[in-house]
C-alpha atoms as a PDB file:
ATOM      1  CA  UNK A   1     166.905 141.116-157.861  1.00  0.00           C
ATOM      2  CA  UNK A   2     168.892 144.115-157.239  1.00  0.00           C
ATOM      3  CA  UNK A   3     171.090 142.955-160.411  1.00  0.00           C
ATOM      4  CA  UNK A   4     170.121 140.260-162.886  1.00  0.00           C
ATOM      5  CA  UNK A   5     172.066 138.592-165.467  1.00  0.00           C
ATOM      6  CA  UNK A   6     171.728 135.731-168.316  1.00  0.00           C
ATOM      7  CA  UNK A   7     174.534 134.246-170.358  1.00  0.00           C
ATOM      8  CA  UNK A   8     173.222 133.901-173.894  1.00  0.00           C
ATOM      9  CA  UNK A   9     176.604 132.284-175.104  1.00  0.00           C
ATOM     10  CA  UNK A  10     177.860 129.999-173.069  1.00  0.00           C
ATOM     11  CA  UNK A  11     181.273 129.783-175.478  1.00  0.00           C
ATOM     12  CA  UNK A  12     182.478 132.936-176.017  1.00  0.00           C
ATOM     13  CA  UNK A  13     181.011 134.465-172.611  1.00  0.00           C
ATOM     14  CA  UNK A  14     183.522 131.471-170.970  1.00  0.00           C
ATOM     15  CA  UNK A  15     186.094 132.269-173.984  1.00  0.00           C
ATOM     16  CA  UNK A  16     185.677 136.090-173.053  1.00  0.00           C
ATOM     17  CA  UNK A  17     186.166 136.387-168.719  1.00  0.00           C
ATOM     18  CA  UNK A  18     189.304 136.670-166.667  1.00  0.00           C
ATOM     19  CA  UNK A  19     190.673 134.149-164.097  1.00  0.00           C
ATOM     20  CA  UNK A  20     192.755 133.729-161.521  1.00  0.00           C
ATOM     21  CA  UNK A  21     196.250 133.799-163.145  1.00  0.00           C
ATOM     22  CA  UNK A  22     196.939 130.573-160.629  1.00  0.00           C
ATOM     23  CA  UNK A  23     194.160 128.452-161.859  1.00  0.00           C
ATOM     24  CA  UNK A  24     195.642 126.241-164.521  1.00  0.00           C
ATOM     25  CA  UNK A  25     193.438 122.871-165.886  1.00  0.00           C
ATOM     26  CA  UNK A  26     190.561 121.564-168.067  1.00  0.00           C
ATOM     27  CA  UNK A  27     186.641 121.919-166.984  1.00  0.00           C
ATOM     28  CA  UNK A  28     183.702 120.027-168.438  1.00  0.00           C
ATOM     29  CA  UNK A  29     180.298 121.952-168.098  1.00  0.00           C
ATOM     30  CA  UNK A  30     177.010 120.023-168.776  1.00  0.00           C
ATOM     31  CA  UNK A  31     174.452 122.910-169.233  1.00  0.00           C
ATOM     32  CA  UNK A  32     170.917 122.980-169.427  1.00  0.00           C
ATOM     33  CA  UNK A  33     169.355 125.609-171.139  1.00  0.00           C
ATOM     34  CA  UNK A  34     165.729 125.040-172.252  1.00  0.00           C
ATOM     35  CA  UNK A  35     165.545 128.135-174.181  1.00  0.00           C
ATOM     36  CA  UNK A  36     168.855 128.693-175.872  1.00  0.00           C
ATOM     37  CA  UNK A  37     169.768 125.058-177.519  1.00  0.00           C
ATOM     38  CA  UNK A  38     173.469 126.891-178.625  1.00  0.00           C
ATOM     39  CA  UNK A  39     174.116 126.217-174.746  1.00  0.00           C
ATOM     40  CA  UNK A  40     172.446 123.296-174.002  1.00  0.00           C
ATOM     41  CA  UNK A  41     175.586 120.874-173.945  1.00  0.00           C
ATOM     42  CA  UNK A  42     178.485 120.008-172.929  1.00  0.00           C
ATOM     43  CA  UNK A  43     181.909 122.721-173.037  1.00  0.00           C
ATOM     44  CA  UNK A  44     185.552 122.109-172.244  1.00  0.00           C
ATOM     45  CA  UNK A  45     187.321 124.884-170.152  1.00  0.00           C
ATOM     46  CA  UNK A  46     191.095 125.054-170.384  1.00  0.00           C
ATOM     47  CA  UNK A  47     192.452 128.059-168.187  1.00  0.00           C
ATOM     48  CA  UNK A  48     196.399 129.173-168.098  1.00  0.00           C
ATOM     49  CA  UNK A  49     197.792 132.382-167.427  1.00  0.00           C
ATOM     50  CA  UNK A  50     194.392 134.144-166.390  1.00  0.00           C
ATOM     51  CA  UNK A  51     192.796 133.185-169.984  1.00  0.00           C
ATOM     52  CA  UNK A  52     190.273 130.572-170.517  1.00  0.00           C
ATOM     53  CA  UNK A  53     188.854 129.054-174.218  1.00  0.00           C
ATOM     54  CA  UNK A  54     185.579 128.143-174.245  1.00  0.00           C
ATOM     55  CA  UNK A  55     184.195 124.954-176.736  1.00  0.00           C
ATOM     56  CA  UNK A  56     181.637 122.664-177.440  1.00  0.00           C
ATOM     57  CA  UNK A  57     182.769 118.911-176.093  1.00  0.00           C
ATOM     58  CA  UNK A  58     181.039 115.943-177.685  1.00  0.00           C
ATOM     59  CA  UNK A  59     182.967 112.733-176.556  1.00  0.00           C
ATOM     60  CA  UNK A  60     184.016 113.978-173.213  1.00  0.00           C
ATOM     61  CA  UNK A  61     182.391 113.033-169.485  1.00  0.00           C
ATOM     62  CA  UNK A  62     181.351 116.450-167.867  1.00  0.00           C
ATOM     63  CA  UNK A  63     183.359 117.170-164.612  1.00  0.00           C
ATOM     64  CA  UNK A  64     179.900 119.754-163.469  1.00  0.00           C
ATOM     65  CA  UNK A  65     176.720 119.310-164.002  1.00  0.00           C
ATOM     66  CA  UNK A  66     174.723 122.695-163.293  1.00  0.00           C
ATOM     67  CA  UNK A  67     171.498 124.928-165.586  1.00  0.00           C
ATOM     68  CA  UNK A  68     172.382 127.664-167.463  1.00  0.00           C
ATOM     69  CA  UNK A  69     171.259 130.100-164.243  1.00  0.00           C
ATOM     70  CA  UNK A  70     173.526 128.289-162.070  1.00  0.00           C
ATOM     71  CA  UNK A  71     176.171 128.526-164.246  1.00  0.00           C
ATOM     72  CA  UNK A  72     175.504 132.528-164.418  1.00  0.00           C
ATOM     73  CA  UNK A  73     175.788 132.890-160.592  1.00  0.00           C
ATOM     74  CA  UNK A  74     178.916 130.942-160.914  1.00  0.00           C
ATOM     75  CA  UNK A  75     180.250 133.064-163.774  1.00  0.00           C
ATOM     76  CA  UNK A  76     179.747 136.754-161.912  1.00  0.00           C
ATOM     77  CA  UNK A  77     180.550 135.306-158.647  1.00  0.00           C
ATOM     78  CA  UNK A  78     177.300 135.500-157.154  1.00  0.00           C
ATOM     79  CA  UNK A  79     177.544 132.341-155.416  1.00  0.00           C
ATOM     80  CA  UNK A  80     180.244 130.048-155.097  1.00  0.00           C
ATOM     81  CA  UNK A  81     180.370 125.827-156.169  1.00  0.00           C
ATOM     82  CA  UNK A  82     179.785 124.443-152.963  1.00  0.00           C
ATOM     83  CA  UNK A  83     176.655 126.668-152.100  1.00  0.00           C
ATOM     84  CA  UNK A  84     175.454 126.018-155.616  1.00  0.00           C
ATOM     85  CA  UNK A  85     175.721 122.382-154.537  1.00  0.00           C
ATOM     86  CA  UNK A  86     174.195 122.638-151.385  1.00  0.00           C
ATOM     87  CA  UNK A  87     171.267 124.315-153.149  1.00  0.00           C
ATOM     88  CA  UNK A  88     171.088 120.943-155.574  1.00  0.00           C
ATOM     89  CA  UNK A  89     171.107 123.519-158.933  1.00  0.00           C
ATOM     90  CA  UNK A  90     174.855 121.109-159.933  1.00  0.00           C
ATOM     91  CA  UNK A  91     176.130 117.660-159.529  1.00  0.00           C
ATOM     92  CA  UNK A  92     179.944 117.470-159.699  1.00  0.00           C
ATOM     93  CA  UNK A  93     182.960 115.069-158.657  1.00  0.00           C
ATOM     94  CA  UNK A  94     185.874 115.895-156.870  1.00  0.00           C
ATOM     95  CA  UNK A  95     188.106 117.343-159.683  1.00  0.00           C
ATOM     96  CA  UNK A  96     184.691 119.402-160.792  1.00  0.00           C
ATOM     97  CA  UNK A  97     184.585 121.488-157.713  1.00  0.00           C
ATOM     98  CA  UNK A  98     188.376 121.515-157.057  1.00  0.00           C
ATOM     99  CA  UNK A  99     189.041 123.278-160.806  1.00  0.00           C
ATOM    100  CA  UNK A 100     185.134 125.052-160.710  1.00  0.00           C
ATOM    101  CA  UNK A 101     186.145 126.389-157.531  1.00  0.00           C
ATOM    102  CA  UNK A 102     189.499 127.792-158.393  1.00  0.00           C
ATOM    103  CA  UNK A 103     187.831 128.745-161.657  1.00  0.00           C
ATOM    104  CA  UNK A 104     185.136 131.099-160.218  1.00  0.00           C
ATOM    105  CA  UNK A 105     185.856 132.363-156.707  1.00  0.00           C
ATOM    106  CA  UNK A 106     182.832 134.262-155.636  1.00  0.00           C
ATOM    107  CA  UNK A 107     182.988 138.255-155.408  1.00  0.00           C
ATOM    108  CA  UNK A 108     180.826 141.048-154.702  1.00  0.00           C
ATOM    109  CA  UNK A 109     178.824 142.087-157.466  1.00  0.00           C
ATOM    110  CA  UNK A 110     177.928 145.666-157.814  1.00  0.00           C
ATOM    111  CA  UNK A 111     176.126 147.916-160.415  1.00  0.00           C
ATOM    112  CA  UNK A 112     177.174 151.642-160.263  1.00  0.00           C
ATOM    113  CA  UNK A 113     174.282 153.282-162.355  1.00  0.00           C
ATOM    114  CA  UNK A 114     171.013 153.938-160.766  1.00  0.00           C
ATOM    115  CA  UNK A 115     167.810 154.852-163.199  1.00  0.00           C
END
Protein backbone atom coordinates (compact mmCIF):
# COMPACT_ATOMS: atom_id res chain seq x y z
CA UNK A 1 0.00 0.00 0.00
CA UNK A 2 1.01 3.56 -0.60
CA UNK A 3 0.26 4.69 2.95
CA UNK A 4 -0.79 2.83 6.06
CA UNK A 5 -1.93 3.89 9.51
CA UNK A 6 -3.54 2.51 12.63
CA UNK A 7 -5.24 4.19 15.56
CA UNK A 8 -3.47 2.99 18.72
CA UNK A 9 -5.49 5.11 21.19
CA UNK A 10 -9.08 5.70 20.07
CA UNK A 11 -9.99 8.30 22.71
CA UNK A 12 -6.77 10.30 22.24
CA UNK A 13 -6.96 10.22 18.43
CA UNK A 14 -10.60 11.30 18.32
CA UNK A 15 -9.90 14.09 20.84
CA UNK A 16 -6.84 15.36 18.94
CA UNK A 17 -8.53 15.43 15.53
CA UNK A 18 -9.85 18.56 13.85
CA UNK A 19 -13.50 18.42 12.77
CA UNK A 20 -15.51 20.54 10.33
CA UNK A 21 -16.60 23.77 12.04
CA UNK A 22 -20.26 23.17 11.20
CA UNK A 23 -20.29 19.62 12.65
CA UNK A 24 -22.01 19.48 16.05
CA UNK A 25 -23.26 16.59 18.12
CA UNK A 26 -22.52 13.49 20.15
CA UNK A 27 -21.64 10.21 18.43
CA UNK A 28 -21.24 6.90 20.27
CA UNK A 29 -18.86 4.44 18.64
CA UNK A 30 -18.44 0.76 19.47
CA UNK A 31 -14.93 -0.27 18.40
CA UNK A 32 -13.55 -3.79 18.03
CA UNK A 33 -9.79 -4.11 18.46
CA UNK A 34 -8.49 -7.59 19.30
CA UNK A 35 -4.86 -6.37 19.48
CA UNK A 36 -5.29 -3.38 21.81
CA UNK A 37 -7.72 -4.07 24.65
CA UNK A 38 -7.78 -0.37 25.68
CA UNK A 39 -9.32 0.40 22.25
CA UNK A 40 -11.93 -2.36 22.41
CA UNK A 41 -15.14 -0.83 23.73
CA UNK A 42 -17.61 2.01 23.43
CA UNK A 43 -16.55 5.65 23.17
CA UNK A 44 -18.57 8.85 23.11
CA UNK A 45 -17.36 11.66 20.86
CA UNK A 46 -18.69 15.17 21.45
CA UNK A 47 -17.92 17.63 18.62
CA UNK A 48 -18.43 21.39 18.61
CA UNK A 49 -16.64 24.35 16.97
CA UNK A 50 -14.16 22.13 15.12
CA UNK A 51 -12.99 20.35 18.28
CA UNK A 52 -13.84 16.98 19.71
CA UNK A 53 -13.66 15.26 23.06
CA UNK A 54 -13.80 11.47 23.27
CA UNK A 55 -13.89 9.19 26.27
CA UNK A 56 -14.90 5.63 27.13
CA UNK A 57 -18.65 5.28 27.50
CA UNK A 58 -19.98 2.31 29.43
CA UNK A 59 -23.67 3.20 29.44
CA UNK A 60 -24.78 4.42 26.01
CA UNK A 61 -26.02 2.40 23.05
CA UNK A 62 -23.66 2.80 20.08
CA UNK A 63 -24.64 4.75 16.97
CA UNK A 64 -21.91 3.03 14.93
CA UNK A 65 -20.23 -0.35 15.43
CA UNK A 66 -16.96 -0.92 13.55
CA UNK A 67 -13.47 -2.40 13.72
CA UNK A 68 -10.46 -0.26 14.54
CA UNK A 69 -9.30 -0.76 10.93
CA UNK A 70 -12.55 0.66 9.56
CA UNK A 71 -12.39 3.51 12.09
CA UNK A 72 -8.84 4.30 10.97
CA UNK A 73 -9.95 4.53 7.32
CA UNK A 74 -12.85 6.76 8.35
CA UNK A 75 -10.61 8.88 10.60
CA UNK A 76 -8.02 9.50 7.87
CA UNK A 77 -10.72 10.21 5.30
CA UNK A 78 -9.67 7.30 3.08
CA UNK A 79 -13.23 5.96 2.91
CA UNK A 80 -16.54 7.62 3.67
CA UNK A 81 -18.87 6.09 6.22
CA UNK A 82 -21.21 5.16 3.36
CA UNK A 83 -18.41 3.22 1.64
CA UNK A 84 -17.48 1.45 4.87
CA UNK A 85 -21.12 0.49 5.43
CA UNK A 86 -21.49 -0.79 1.83
CA UNK A 87 -18.36 -2.93 2.32
CA UNK A 88 -19.97 -4.48 5.42
CA UNK A 89 -17.22 -3.18 7.71
CA UNK A 90 -19.59 -1.25 10.00
CA UNK A 91 -23.18 -1.10 11.23
CA UNK A 92 -24.99 2.14 11.99
CA UNK A 93 -28.35 3.66 12.78
CA UNK A 94 -29.60 6.69 10.80
CA UNK A 95 -28.37 9.10 13.48
CA UNK A 96 -24.91 7.49 13.35
CA UNK A 97 -24.78 7.84 9.58
CA UNK A 98 -25.75 11.52 9.73
CA UNK A 99 -23.22 12.40 12.44
CA UNK A 100 -20.50 10.09 11.14
CA UNK A 101 -20.66 11.65 7.68
CA UNK A 102 -20.63 15.16 9.20
CA UNK A 103 -17.68 14.45 11.53
CA UNK A 104 -15.54 12.42 9.09
CA UNK A 105 -15.76 13.75 5.52
CA UNK A 106 -13.63 11.87 2.98
CA UNK A 107 -10.45 13.60 1.84
CA UNK A 108 -7.45 12.92 -0.35
CA UNK A 109 -4.44 11.66 1.56
CA UNK A 110 -0.85 11.89 0.48
CA UNK A 111 2.65 11.66 1.86
CA UNK A 112 5.17 14.11 0.53
CA UNK A 113 8.26 12.15 1.57
CA UNK A 114 9.85 9.17 -0.08
CA UNK A 115 12.61 6.99 1.30
